[in-house]
Amino acid sequence: MQLKTSDNGRGAAGSERAAAQIFDNMGLKDIFGRKRNLSAVEKEVEKEKLMALERDIIMALRQVYDPEIPVNIYDLGLIYELKVDEDHNVYIQMTLTAPNCPMADYVVDAVKASVEDVPGVVSVKVELVFEPVWDKSRMSEEALVELGLDD
């Protein structure tokens, strides 16, 4: 059995362009795997989606608590850097309140698992660093109040 196709007189190149346009209209990559160019409106929509995803990630991070301090790691200031790329891969650079924390693996694993559970996140990489050294100046106002450290 032979499948009959029609290119409506456009030739093979015209068919490829038509297929690429269909993929483009659907918001997908073209048939060659290239990302399509976004209009200004589409770029703004994508930017808003990334910002919303980042907010969701921060909410997830606020569910992870330092086992020795009754404050979440985000408000403690343990998250030094949070990056979300256009493909929704997440990079987190974080620290601990003390380099010799016996719960280091637990906290890093909890951060990774919490962020991986956020809808839309593709992958998560967590890097644990100890430079610069953490101190209470990195804590949010809420954390300072909760711990009675507000002056």
C-alpha atoms as a PDB file:
ATOM      1  CA  MET A   1       0.000   0.000   0.000  1.00  0.00           C
ATOM      2  CA  GLN A   2       1.354   3.401  -0.918  1.00  0.00           C
ATOM      3  CA  LEU A   3       0.430   6.542   0.939  1.00  0.00           C
ATOM      4  CA  LYS A   4      -0.383   9.325  -1.456  1.00  0.00           C
ATOM      5  CA  THR A   5       0.539  12.840  -0.403  1.00  0.00           C
ATOM      6  CA  SER A   6       0.023  16.115  -2.094  1.00  0.00           C
ATOM      7  CA  ASP A   7       2.251  19.124  -1.908  1.00  0.00           C
ATOM      8  CA  ASN A   8      -0.277  21.293  -3.755  1.00  0.00           C
ATOM      9  CA  GLY A   9       2.341  22.251  -6.314  1.00  0.00           C
ATOM     10  CA  ARG A  10       4.756  23.622  -3.735  1.00  0.00           C
ATOM     11  CA  GLY A  11       7.445  21.001  -4.178  1.00  0.00           C
ATOM     12  CA  ALA A  12       9.413  19.367  -1.381  1.00  0.00           C
ATOM     13  CA  ALA A  13      10.855  22.635  -0.067  1.00  0.00           C
ATOM     14  CA  GLY A  14       7.383  24.171   0.080  1.00  0.00           C
ATOM     15  CA  SER A  15       6.088  21.162   2.012  1.00  0.00           C
ATOM     16  CA  GLU A  16       8.929  21.458   4.516  1.00  0.00           C
ATOM     17  CA  ARG A  17       8.195  25.141   4.999  1.00  0.00           C
ATOM     18  CA  ALA A  18       4.495  24.373   5.458  1.00  0.00           C
ATOM     19  CA  ALA A  19       5.304  21.689   8.032  1.00  0.00           C
ATOM     20  CA  ALA A  20       7.669  24.057   9.823  1.00  0.00           C
ATOM     21  CA  GLN A  21       4.929  26.694   9.887  1.00  0.00           C
ATOM     22  CA  ILE A  22       2.478  24.220  11.424  1.00  0.00           C
ATOM     23  CA  PHE A  23       4.998  23.350  14.127  1.00  0.00           C
ATOM     24  CA  ASP A  24       5.678  27.048  14.604  1.00  0.00           C
ATOM     25  CA  ASN A  25       1.976  27.829  14.982  1.00  0.00           C
ATOM     26  CA  MET A  26       1.706  25.084  17.600  1.00  0.00           C
ATOM     27  CA  GLY A  27       4.537  26.647  19.600  1.00  0.00           C
ATOM     28  CA  LEU A  28       6.916  23.773  18.967  1.00  0.00           C
ATOM     29  CA  LYS A  29      10.348  23.488  17.492  1.00  0.00           C
ATOM     30  CA  ASP A  30      10.540  23.345  13.729  1.00  0.00           C
ATOM     31  CA  ILE A  31      11.097  20.070  11.895  1.00  0.00           C
ATOM     32  CA  PHE A  32      14.835  20.569  12.149  1.00  0.00           C
ATOM     33  CA  GLY A  33      14.741  20.782  15.959  1.00  0.00           C
ATOM     34  CA  ARG A  34      15.506  24.490  16.043  1.00  0.00           C
ATOM     35  CA  LYS A  35      13.714  26.662  18.539  1.00  0.00           C
ATOM     36  CA  ARG A  36      11.499  29.088  16.786  1.00  0.00           C
ATOM     37  CA  ASN A  37      11.815  32.835  17.174  1.00  0.00           C
ATOM     38  CA  LEU A  38       9.359  34.289  19.666  1.00  0.00           C
ATOM     39  CA  SER A  39       7.430  37.503  19.159  1.00  0.00           C
ATOM     40  CA  ALA A  40       7.670  40.236  21.798  1.00  0.00           C
ATOM     41  CA  VAL A  41       4.316  39.170  23.269  1.00  0.00           C
ATOM     42  CA  GLU A  42       5.363  35.517  23.398  1.00  0.00           C
ATOM     43  CA  LYS A  43       8.646  36.497  25.063  1.00  0.00           C
ATOM     44  CA  GLU A  44       6.720  38.428  27.709  1.00  0.00           C
ATOM     45  CA  VAL A  45       4.418  35.439  28.292  1.00  0.00           C
ATOM     46  CA  GLU A  46       7.434  33.138  28.646  1.00  0.00           C
ATOM     47  CA  LYS A  47       9.050  35.601  31.061  1.00  0.00           C
ATOM     48  CA  GLU A  48       5.872  35.647  33.160  1.00  0.00           C
ATOM     49  CA  LYS A  49       5.769  31.825  33.157  1.00  0.00           C
ATOM     50  CA  LEU A  50       9.379  31.700  34.384  1.00  0.00           C
ATOM     51  CA  MET A  51       8.612  34.238  37.109  1.00  0.00           C
ATOM     52  CA  ALA A  52       5.583  32.197  38.203  1.00  0.00           C
ATOM     53  CA  LEU A  53       7.690  29.033  38.235  1.00  0.00           C
ATOM     54  CA  GLU A  54      10.328  30.802  40.324  1.00  0.00           C
ATOM     55  CA  ARG A  55       7.630  31.899  42.809  1.00  0.00           C
ATOM     56  CA  ASP A  56       6.403  28.289  43.030  1.00  0.00           C
ATOM     57  CA  ILE A  57       9.962  27.110  43.646  1.00  0.00           C
ATOM     58  CA  ILE A  58      10.384  29.655  46.440  1.00  0.00           C
ATOM     59  CA  MET A  59       7.130  28.446  48.000  1.00  0.00           C
ATOM     60  CA  ALA A  60       8.494  24.883  47.842  1.00  0.00           C
ATOM     61  CA  LEU A  61      11.774  25.978  49.433  1.00  0.00           C
ATOM     62  CA  ARG A  62       9.799  27.585  52.259  1.00  0.00           C
ATOM     63  CA  GLN A  63       8.472  24.106  53.092  1.00  0.00           C
ATOM     64  CA  VAL A  64      11.990  22.840  53.866  1.00  0.00           C
ATOM     65  CA  TYR A  65      13.137  23.478  57.418  1.00  0.00           C
ATOM     66  CA  ASP A  66      16.540  23.360  59.017  1.00  0.00           C
ATOM     67  CA  PRO A  67      16.192  20.421  61.417  1.00  0.00           C
ATOM     68  CA  GLU A  68      17.874  22.357  64.233  1.00  0.00           C
ATOM     69  CA  ILE A  69      16.169  25.737  63.760  1.00  0.00           C
ATOM     70  CA  PRO A  70      12.371  26.166  63.488  1.00  0.00           C
ATOM     71  CA  VAL A  71      12.617  28.410  60.398  1.00  0.00           C
ATOM     72  CA  ASN A  72      12.522  27.451  56.724  1.00  0.00           C
ATOM     73  CA  ILE A  73      15.764  27.473  54.772  1.00  0.00           C
ATOM     74  CA  TYR A  74      14.654  30.243  52.419  1.00  0.00           C
ATOM     75  CA  ASP A  75      13.910  32.739  55.195  1.00  0.00           C
ATOM     76  CA  LEU A  76      17.051  31.650  57.028  1.00  0.00           C
ATOM     77  CA  GLY A  77      18.968  32.935  54.003  1.00  0.00           C
ATOM     78  CA  LEU A  78      20.533  29.593  53.143  1.00  0.00           C
ATOM     79  CA  ILE A  79      19.662  29.967  49.449  1.00  0.00           C
ATOM     80  CA  TYR A  80      22.393  32.065  47.858  1.00  0.00           C
ATOM     81  CA  GLU A  81      21.331  31.714  44.238  1.00  0.00           C
ATOM     82  CA  LEU A  82      18.272  30.448  42.366  1.00  0.00           C
ATOM     83  CA  LYS A  83      18.304  30.258  38.571  1.00  0.00           C
ATOM     84  CA  VAL A  84      15.615  28.895  36.272  1.00  0.00           C
ATOM     85  CA  ASP A  85      16.500  28.629  32.594  1.00  0.00           C
ATOM     86  CA  GLU A  86      14.082  28.821  29.662  1.00  0.00           C
ATOM     87  CA  ASP A  87      13.851  25.017  29.564  1.00  0.00           C
ATOM     88  CA  HIS A  88      12.790  24.991  33.248  1.00  0.00           C
ATOM     89  CA  ASN A  89      16.026  23.504  34.578  1.00  0.00           C
ATOM     90  CA  VAL A  90      16.739  24.801  38.075  1.00  0.00           C
ATOM     91  CA  TYR A  91      20.099  25.617  39.657  1.00  0.00           C
ATOM     92  CA  ILE A  92      20.286  26.317  43.372  1.00  0.00           C
ATOM     93  CA  GLN A  93      23.385  27.414  45.239  1.00  0.00           C
ATOM     94  CA  MET A  94      22.929  27.095  48.977  1.00  0.00           C
ATOM     95  CA  THR A  95      24.784  26.888  52.242  1.00  0.00           C
ATOM     96  CA  LEU A  96      24.173  25.659  55.761  1.00  0.00           C
ATOM     97  CA  THR A  97      24.334  27.516  59.050  1.00  0.00           C
ATOM     98  CA  ALA A  98      27.499  25.561  59.898  1.00  0.00           C
ATOM     99  CA  PRO A  99      29.917  23.681  57.600  1.00  0.00           C
ATOM    100  CA  ASN A 100      29.984  20.665  59.922  1.00  0.00           C
ATOM    101  CA  CYS A 101      26.197  20.285  60.038  1.00  0.00           C
ATOM    102  CA  PRO A 102      25.426  16.580  60.596  1.00  0.00           C
ATOM    103  CA  MET A 103      22.160  16.956  58.661  1.00  0.00           C
ATOM    104  CA  ALA A 104      23.761  18.380  55.485  1.00  0.00           C
ATOM    105  CA  ASP A 105      22.770  15.469  53.233  1.00  0.00           C
ATOM    106  CA  TYR A 106      19.229  15.503  54.594  1.00  0.00           C
ATOM    107  CA  VAL A 107      18.777  19.231  53.938  1.00  0.00           C
ATOM    108  CA  VAL A 108      20.259  19.116  50.405  1.00  0.00           C
ATOM    109  CA  ASP A 109      18.139  16.059  49.521  1.00  0.00           C
ATOM    110  CA  ALA A 110      15.019  17.743  50.931  1.00  0.00           C
ATOM    111  CA  VAL A 111      15.697  20.866  48.841  1.00  0.00           C
ATOM    112  CA  LYS A 112      16.177  18.827  45.676  1.00  0.00           C
ATOM    113  CA  ALA A 113      13.067  16.690  46.261  1.00  0.00           C
ATOM    114  CA  SER A 114      10.919  19.691  47.163  1.00  0.00           C
ATOM    115  CA  VAL A 115      11.866  21.605  44.006  1.00  0.00           C
ATOM    116  CA  GLU A 116      11.572  18.524  41.775  1.00  0.00           C
ATOM    117  CA  ASP A 117       7.944  18.219  42.929  1.00  0.00           C
ATOM    118  CA  VAL A 118       7.075  21.679  41.591  1.00  0.00           C
ATOM    119  CA  PRO A 119       4.981  21.292  38.405  1.00  0.00           C
ATOM    120  CA  GLY A 120       6.929  22.475  35.373  1.00  0.00           C
ATOM    121  CA  VAL A 121      10.404  21.844  36.779  1.00  0.00           C
ATOM    122  CA  VAL A 122      12.454  19.641  34.432  1.00  0.00           C
ATOM    123  CA  SER A 123      15.628  19.118  36.469  1.00  0.00           C
ATOM    124  CA  VAL A 124      17.266  20.392  39.651  1.00  0.00           C
ATOM    125  CA  LYS A 125      20.920  20.846  40.497  1.00  0.00           C
ATOM    126  CA  VAL A 126      21.816  21.829  44.057  1.00  0.00           C
ATOM    127  CA  GLU A 127      25.311  23.056  44.859  1.00  0.00           C
ATOM    128  CA  LEU A 128      26.340  23.276  48.500  1.00  0.00           C
ATOM    129  CA  VAL A 129      28.880  26.040  49.200  1.00  0.00           C
ATOM    130  CA  PHE A 130      30.420  27.571  52.309  1.00  0.00           C
ATOM    131  CA  GLU A 131      31.806  30.767  50.811  1.00  0.00           C
ATOM    132  CA  PRO A 132      30.647  33.325  51.669  1.00  0.00           C
ATOM    133  CA  VAL A 133      30.065  32.168  55.225  1.00  0.00           C
ATOM    134  CA  TRP A 134      26.443  32.329  56.363  1.00  0.00           C
ATOM    135  CA  ASP A 135      25.513  34.753  59.138  1.00  0.00           C
ATOM    136  CA  LYS A 136      22.268  36.094  60.576  1.00  0.00           C
ATOM    137  CA  SER A 137      22.332  39.159  58.309  1.00  0.00           C
ATOM    138  CA  ARG A 138      21.071  36.867  55.535  1.00  0.00           C
ATOM    139  CA  MET A 139      17.873  36.050  57.425  1.00  0.00           C
ATOM    140  CA  SER A 140      14.535  37.558  56.428  1.00  0.00           C
ATOM    141  CA  GLU A 141      12.730  39.923  58.781  1.00  0.00           C
ATOM    142  CA  GLU A 142      10.146  37.175  59.437  1.00  0.00           C
ATOM    143  CA  ALA A 143      12.856  34.714  60.488  1.00  0.00           C
ATOM    144  CA  LEU A 144      14.475  37.256  62.808  1.00  0.00           C
ATOM    145  CA  VAL A 145      11.136  37.953  64.474  1.00  0.00           C
ATOM    146  CA  GLU A 146      10.282  34.262  64.767  1.00  0.00           C
ATOM    147  CA  LEU A 147      13.590  33.562  66.495  1.00  0.00           C
ATOM    148  CA  GLY A 148      13.402  36.680  68.688  1.00  0.00           C
ATOM    149  CA  LEU A 149      16.501  38.196  67.075  1.00  0.00           C
ATOM    150  CA  ASP A 150      14.861  41.406  65.844  1.00  0.00           C
ATOM    151  CA  ASP A 151      16.436  44.380  67.540  1.00  0.00           C
END
